[in-house]
Amino acid sequence: MSDSSATQRSQPSKPGGPLVIATCNDWPDSSRSDAAYLHALEARGVQVQHAPWDGESRPFLAARAVILRSTWNYHHDLPRFRRWLSLLEAAGVPVWNPPALVRWNLDKRYLLELGRLGISIAPTMALDTPSAEGVAAVMRERRWTEAVVKPAWGASGFAVRHVRFSEFTEDAPDLGAPDRPLLVQEYLPEVSERGEVALVFFGGRFSHALLKRPSAGEFRVNSQYGGSVTAMEASDDLRRAAAGVIAALPSAPLYARVDGVVTDHGFVVMEVELTEPGLWMDRADGAPERFADATLAALASRSVAPPTPTPGWG
């Protein structure tokens, strides 16, 4: 368990305070999915409110606990977001997912660590100093004809680019985010052909799965680029593969979304979302209640039960 979880256990709680769902000023209200979660919590007698992380600190400092949800603009001011997490830690406010785990997840280079642990990830290289020349060198070395370039910290498809090696023989393509390290990933055509699979876990147990598809001519599955999301049944093999990813994390999350694609060689992880993932609980029967129950268990124990690589709720 992370150091931050130990800190949370040792600090006094605020049992009379509300559970605060963290949103942001750009999207101050809860999403439809999170609204269902709030309703499930309230049905269990929990006082709940939401507040933007980039607003007043008072609601969070008076909270029984804070659940990070739609903090979707954090990547535009990452230092401030990190300071906000540290403020809550210093005040002894329980935060889920735990700040130490969130900090690890904020930098997408965590994928390389998971790869070293034996998790099957999309072929990925990191460029600490971003440049078109560096991207071209990676693609040349790995013999990739197409790649996806994304900033090491970002959300909702921010500055994600699809590039072809042939482009570098002409004008260098726009890399989108020149002020931060980059990840260069081999382009996997299965994303466009089959869609991206998202597997959601609460308290270390599988809850539900979704299929995210890009619109015609697009490779990004985010809604702002026309992507669609539908509920899907996940096979036991998929569930076990995703549960193995959860077990490999530095500490146990309250909630997690494992994104990847199914290839001819098995499930390949694209990202593991532990900070502010869309969970689409409104599209899966019982999901808001499962999240609420996992949250209550976490509040009761001040920690999350160790993840178990099982099919979960079935």
Protein backbone atom coordinates (compact mmCIF):
# COMPACT_ATOMS: atom_id res chain seq x y z
CA MET A 1 0.00 0.00 0.00
CA SER A 2 1.24 3.50 -0.79
CA ASP A 3 2.68 5.94 1.73
CA SER A 4 -0.28 8.25 1.14
CA SER A 5 -2.69 5.48 2.19
CA ALA A 6 -0.76 5.06 5.41
CA THR A 7 -0.94 8.80 5.97
CA GLN A 8 -4.67 8.71 5.43
CA ARG A 9 -5.08 5.97 8.04
CA SER A 10 -3.06 7.88 10.62
CA GLN A 11 -4.82 11.21 10.23
CA PRO A 12 -8.07 12.13 11.98
CA SER A 13 -11.15 11.79 9.80
CA LYS A 14 -14.08 14.15 9.44
CA PRO A 15 -16.96 11.69 9.91
CA GLY A 16 -19.55 14.47 9.99
CA GLY A 17 -18.40 16.03 6.73
CA PRO A 18 -19.69 15.24 3.27
CA LEU A 19 -18.07 13.05 0.69
CA VAL A 20 -16.89 15.53 -1.93
CA ILE A 21 -16.75 14.59 -5.61
CA ALA A 22 -14.02 16.60 -7.32
CA THR A 23 -15.00 18.19 -10.64
CA CYS A 24 -13.44 21.25 -12.33
CA ASN A 25 -14.48 24.77 -13.25
CA ASP A 26 -14.72 23.87 -16.93
CA TRP A 27 -17.19 21.06 -16.07
CA PRO A 28 -18.51 21.94 -12.59
CA ASP A 29 -21.44 19.52 -12.53
CA SER A 30 -21.32 15.76 -12.29
CA SER A 31 -21.61 13.76 -15.48
CA ARG A 32 -24.64 11.52 -16.01
CA SER A 33 -22.51 8.56 -15.02
CA ASP A 34 -21.28 10.18 -11.82
CA ALA A 35 -24.77 11.47 -11.00
CA ALA A 36 -25.90 7.84 -10.84
CA TYR A 37 -22.99 7.13 -8.46
CA LEU A 38 -23.98 10.09 -6.26
CA HIS A 39 -27.56 8.83 -6.15
CA ALA A 40 -26.35 5.39 -5.09
CA LEU A 41 -24.25 6.92 -2.31
CA GLU A 42 -27.12 9.06 -1.08
CA ALA A 43 -29.39 6.00 -1.10
CA ARG A 44 -26.88 4.46 1.32
CA GLY A 45 -27.11 7.44 3.67
CA VAL A 46 -23.93 9.23 2.56
CA GLN A 47 -23.94 13.03 2.41
CA VAL A 48 -22.46 13.99 -0.97
CA GLN A 49 -21.59 17.20 -2.76
CA HIS A 50 -19.37 18.12 -5.68
CA ALA A 51 -16.88 20.96 -6.00
CA PRO A 52 -14.28 22.02 -8.60
CA TRP A 53 -10.71 21.17 -7.71
CA ASP A 54 -9.59 24.51 -9.19
CA GLY A 55 -12.05 26.49 -7.06
CA GLU A 56 -12.17 27.15 -3.32
CA SER A 57 -10.28 24.72 -1.09
CA ARG A 58 -12.77 24.95 1.76
CA PRO A 59 -15.19 22.20 0.62
CA PHE A 60 -12.34 19.73 0.26
CA LEU A 61 -10.66 20.54 3.56
CA ALA A 62 -13.97 19.96 5.36
CA ALA A 63 -14.67 16.71 3.51
CA ARG A 64 -15.04 13.27 5.00
CA ALA A 65 -13.14 12.17 1.90
CA VAL A 66 -12.54 13.32 -1.67
CA ILE A 67 -13.21 11.22 -4.76
CA LEU A 68 -11.47 12.45 -7.91
CA ARG A 69 -13.85 12.29 -10.83
CA SER A 70 -14.25 14.91 -13.58
CA THR A 71 -11.05 16.90 -12.95
CA TRP A 72 -10.70 16.96 -16.71
CA ASN A 73 -8.66 20.16 -17.09
CA TYR A 74 -5.81 19.24 -14.70
CA HIS A 75 -3.31 18.75 -17.54
CA HIS A 76 -3.49 22.46 -18.44
CA ASP A 77 -2.00 23.37 -15.03
CA LEU A 78 -0.37 20.23 -13.72
CA PRO A 79 1.76 22.01 -11.05
CA ARG A 80 -1.38 23.50 -9.51
CA PHE A 81 -3.10 20.13 -9.54
CA ARG A 82 -0.13 18.55 -7.80
CA ARG A 83 -0.14 21.31 -5.17
CA TRP A 84 -3.85 20.75 -4.60
CA LEU A 85 -3.27 17.04 -4.00
CA SER A 86 -0.46 17.87 -1.57
CA LEU A 87 -2.71 20.31 0.28
CA LEU A 88 -5.29 17.60 0.87
CA GLU A 89 -2.61 15.14 1.96
CA ALA A 90 -1.15 17.63 4.42
CA ALA A 91 -4.62 18.27 5.86
CA GLY A 92 -5.18 14.55 6.36
CA VAL A 93 -8.14 14.38 3.99
CA PRO A 94 -8.56 10.88 2.48
CA VAL A 95 -8.37 11.02 -1.30
CA TRP A 96 -9.19 8.32 -3.82
CA ASN A 97 -7.49 7.28 -5.81
CA PRO A 98 -4.59 7.85 -3.38
CA PRO A 99 -2.43 10.84 -4.36
CA ALA A 100 0.73 8.75 -4.65
CA LEU A 101 -0.98 6.46 -7.16
CA VAL A 102 -2.46 9.43 -9.01
CA ARG A 103 0.96 11.10 -9.29
CA TRP A 104 2.36 7.89 -10.75
CA ASN A 105 -0.50 7.78 -13.25
CA LEU A 106 -0.28 11.44 -14.29
CA ASP A 107 2.82 10.74 -16.39
CA LYS A 108 1.97 8.25 -19.12
CA ARG A 109 5.50 6.91 -19.03
CA TYR A 110 4.11 4.56 -16.38
CA LEU A 111 3.33 2.33 -19.38
CA LEU A 112 7.02 1.57 -19.75
CA GLU A 113 7.14 0.44 -16.12
CA LEU A 114 4.17 -1.86 -16.68
CA GLY A 115 5.88 -3.25 -19.75
CA ARG A 116 8.97 -4.08 -17.69
CA LEU A 117 6.68 -5.96 -15.28
CA GLY A 118 5.49 -8.18 -18.10
CA ILE A 119 2.24 -6.44 -19.00
CA SER A 120 1.55 -6.51 -22.75
CA ILE A 121 1.54 -2.84 -23.76
CA ALA A 122 1.36 -1.11 -27.11
CA PRO A 123 4.95 -0.76 -28.40
CA THR A 124 6.02 2.53 -26.81
CA MET A 125 9.07 4.78 -26.67
CA ALA A 126 9.49 7.93 -24.58
CA LEU A 127 11.09 11.17 -25.74
CA ASP A 128 12.12 13.32 -22.80
CA THR A 129 13.00 16.13 -25.20
CA PRO A 130 10.21 16.36 -27.79
CA SER A 131 11.12 17.03 -31.39
CA ALA A 132 10.06 15.94 -34.86
CA GLU A 133 13.57 14.63 -35.42
CA GLY A 134 13.29 12.49 -32.30
CA VAL A 135 9.95 11.04 -33.39
CA ALA A 136 11.38 10.26 -36.84
CA ALA A 137 14.41 8.58 -35.25
CA VAL A 138 12.18 6.36 -33.09
CA MET A 139 10.06 5.36 -36.06
CA ARG A 140 13.13 4.67 -38.18
CA GLU A 141 14.74 2.57 -35.45
CA ARG A 142 11.57 0.56 -34.76
CA ARG A 143 10.60 0.40 -38.45
CA TRP A 144 7.16 1.84 -37.78
CA THR A 145 5.41 3.29 -40.81
CA GLU A 146 2.69 4.86 -38.63
CA ALA A 147 2.68 6.00 -35.01
CA VAL A 148 0.60 7.81 -32.43
CA VAL A 149 2.35 10.65 -30.65
CA LYS A 150 0.93 11.88 -27.36
CA PRO A 151 2.13 14.14 -24.52
CA ALA A 152 3.35 12.42 -21.38
CA TRP A 153 0.63 14.20 -19.45
CA GLY A 154 -2.71 14.99 -20.98
CA ALA A 155 -6.36 14.00 -21.02
CA SER A 156 -9.30 13.58 -23.40
CA GLY A 157 -7.14 13.17 -26.48
CA PHE A 158 -5.26 16.43 -25.85
CA ALA A 159 -2.52 16.97 -28.46
CA VAL A 160 -2.61 13.34 -29.61
CA ARG A 161 -1.39 12.98 -33.19
CA HIS A 162 -1.35 10.21 -35.79
CA VAL A 163 1.78 10.49 -37.93
CA ARG A 164 3.27 8.61 -40.86
CA PHE A 165 6.99 8.20 -41.33
CA SER A 166 6.70 9.53 -44.87
CA GLU A 167 5.62 12.90 -43.44
CA PHE A 168 9.06 13.48 -41.97
CA THR A 169 10.64 13.59 -45.41
CA GLU A 170 8.63 16.76 -46.10
CA ASP A 171 7.52 19.38 -43.60
CA ALA A 172 7.74 18.07 -40.04
CA PRO A 173 4.25 17.33 -38.66
CA ASP A 174 2.79 19.35 -35.82
CA LEU A 175 3.45 17.44 -32.60
CA GLY A 176 0.85 19.37 -30.64
CA ALA A 177 2.54 19.76 -27.24
CA PRO A 178 6.17 20.89 -27.58
CA ASP A 179 6.44 21.85 -23.90
CA ARG A 180 6.40 18.35 -22.40
CA PRO A 181 7.88 14.89 -22.96
CA LEU A 182 6.24 12.71 -25.58
CA LEU A 183 5.26 9.11 -25.95
CA VAL A 184 5.59 7.54 -29.38
CA GLN A 185 3.49 4.42 -29.86
CA GLU A 186 3.21 2.14 -32.83
CA TYR A 187 -0.14 2.74 -34.51
CA LEU A 188 -2.33 -0.32 -34.00
CA PRO A 189 -4.91 -0.57 -36.80
CA GLU A 190 -7.12 -2.69 -34.54
CA VAL A 191 -8.24 0.54 -32.84
CA SER A 192 -9.97 1.63 -36.04
CA GLU A 193 -10.94 -1.85 -37.17
CA ARG A 194 -12.20 -3.36 -33.92
CA GLY A 195 -12.41 -0.48 -31.47
CA GLU A 196 -10.81 0.05 -28.08
CA VAL A 197 -11.92 -2.00 -25.07
CA ALA A 198 -12.32 -0.37 -21.64
CA LEU A 199 -12.59 -2.58 -18.56
CA VAL A 200 -13.72 -0.91 -15.33
CA PHE A 201 -12.80 -2.09 -11.83
CA PHE A 202 -14.06 -1.00 -8.41
CA GLY A 203 -12.15 -2.01 -5.29
CA GLY A 204 -9.99 -4.33 -7.37
CA ARG A 205 -12.94 -6.25 -8.80
CA PHE A 206 -14.17 -6.21 -12.38
CA SER A 207 -17.43 -4.27 -12.83
CA HIS A 208 -18.20 -3.78 -16.52
CA ALA A 209 -16.74 -3.35 -19.97
CA LEU A 210 -17.25 -0.94 -22.84
CA LEU A 211 -16.33 -0.79 -26.50
CA LYS A 212 -15.11 2.59 -27.74
CA ARG A 213 -15.06 3.16 -31.49
CA PRO A 214 -13.65 6.10 -33.45
CA SER A 215 -15.73 7.84 -36.08
CA ALA A 216 -15.02 7.26 -39.76
CA GLY A 217 -11.59 8.56 -40.74
CA GLU A 218 -10.60 9.20 -37.11
CA PHE A 219 -8.29 7.23 -34.81
CA ARG A 220 -9.17 8.90 -31.50
CA VAL A 221 -12.10 7.35 -29.63
CA ASN A 222 -12.86 10.42 -27.47
CA SER A 223 -16.39 11.81 -27.71
CA GLN A 224 -15.21 15.26 -28.85
CA TYR A 225 -13.78 13.59 -31.94
CA GLY A 226 -17.00 11.74 -32.69
CA GLY A 227 -16.18 8.49 -30.90
CA SER A 228 -18.94 6.24 -29.63
CA VAL A 229 -19.21 4.09 -26.49
CA THR A 230 -21.37 0.99 -26.07
CA ALA A 231 -21.62 -1.63 -23.35
CA MET A 232 -20.06 -4.99 -24.14
CA GLU A 233 -19.61 -8.41 -22.59
CA ALA A 234 -16.01 -9.12 -21.64
CA SER A 235 -14.69 -12.64 -21.95
CA ASP A 236 -13.00 -14.31 -18.99
CA ASP A 237 -9.69 -13.97 -20.84
CA LEU A 238 -10.15 -10.22 -21.13
CA ARG A 239 -11.13 -9.92 -17.49
CA ARG A 240 -8.12 -11.90 -16.36
CA ALA A 241 -5.77 -9.84 -18.53
CA ALA A 242 -7.13 -6.57 -17.13
CA ALA A 243 -7.08 -7.92 -13.56
CA GLY A 244 -3.40 -8.71 -14.06
CA VAL A 245 -2.84 -5.05 -14.90
CA ILE A 246 -4.62 -3.98 -11.69
CA ALA A 247 -2.48 -6.38 -9.67
CA ALA A 248 0.69 -4.87 -11.19
CA LEU A 249 -0.09 -1.30 -10.07
CA PRO A 250 2.05 0.31 -7.34
CA SER A 251 -0.92 0.26 -4.95
CA ALA A 252 -4.56 -0.78 -5.00
CA PRO A 253 -6.97 1.68 -6.62
CA LEU A 254 -10.56 2.32 -5.59
CA TYR A 255 -11.48 2.66 -9.26
CA ALA A 256 -9.61 1.97 -12.47
CA ARG A 257 -10.21 1.73 -16.19
CA VAL A 258 -7.92 -0.44 -18.27
CA ASP A 259 -7.95 0.56 -21.94
CA GLY A 260 -6.59 -1.60 -24.71
CA VAL A 261 -7.18 -3.43 -27.95
CA VAL A 262 -7.70 -7.06 -28.79
CA THR A 263 -5.14 -8.17 -31.35
CA ASP A 264 -4.42 -11.53 -32.91
CA HIS A 265 -1.82 -11.98 -30.16
CA GLY A 266 -4.12 -11.10 -27.26
CA PHE A 267 -5.05 -8.02 -25.23
CA VAL A 268 -2.66 -5.07 -25.54
CA VAL A 269 -2.84 -2.23 -23.00
CA MET A 270 -3.01 1.32 -24.35
CA GLU A 271 -3.54 3.20 -21.06
CA VAL A 272 -4.54 2.63 -17.43
CA GLU A 273 -6.80 5.43 -16.22
CA LEU A 274 -6.58 6.07 -12.47
CA THR A 275 -7.11 9.83 -12.16
CA GLU A 276 -10.29 11.00 -13.87
CA PRO A 277 -11.59 8.31 -16.21
CA GLY A 278 -15.05 8.29 -17.66
CA LEU A 279 -16.68 5.19 -16.18
CA TRP A 280 -20.01 5.13 -18.07
CA MET A 281 -21.79 3.66 -15.06
CA ASP A 282 -25.12 4.72 -16.54
CA ARG A 283 -24.59 2.12 -19.28
CA ALA A 284 -24.02 -0.89 -17.02
CA ASP A 285 -26.67 -2.28 -14.69
CA GLY A 286 -25.57 -2.15 -11.07
CA ALA A 287 -22.32 -0.27 -11.75
CA PRO A 288 -23.19 2.86 -9.68
CA GLU A 289 -24.14 0.61 -6.76
CA ARG A 290 -20.91 -1.38 -7.08
CA PHE A 291 -18.86 1.81 -7.02
CA ALA A 292 -20.85 3.12 -4.04
CA ASP A 293 -20.33 -0.13 -2.12
CA ALA A 294 -16.60 -0.13 -2.89
CA THR A 295 -16.42 3.49 -1.73
CA LEU A 296 -18.15 2.70 1.56
CA ALA A 297 -15.79 -0.21 2.12
CA ALA A 298 -12.82 2.08 1.49
CA LEU A 299 -14.19 4.71 3.86
CA ALA A 300 -14.73 2.08 6.53
CA SER A 301 -11.21 0.68 6.30
CA ARG A 302 -9.37 3.80 5.07
CA SER A 303 -7.78 1.56 2.46
CA VAL A 304 -8.81 -0.46 -0.55
CA ALA A 305 -8.86 -4.24 -0.43
CA PRO A 306 -6.02 -5.82 -2.43
CA PRO A 307 -7.00 -6.43 -6.04
CA THR A 308 -7.94 -9.97 -6.97
CA PRO A 309 -7.54 -11.30 -10.53
CA THR A 310 -11.03 -12.83 -10.76
CA PRO A 311 -13.96 -12.26 -13.13
CA GLY A 312 -15.52 -10.16 -10.31
CA TRP A 313 -19.24 -9.65 -10.03
CA GLY A 314 -19.91 -11.83 -13.04
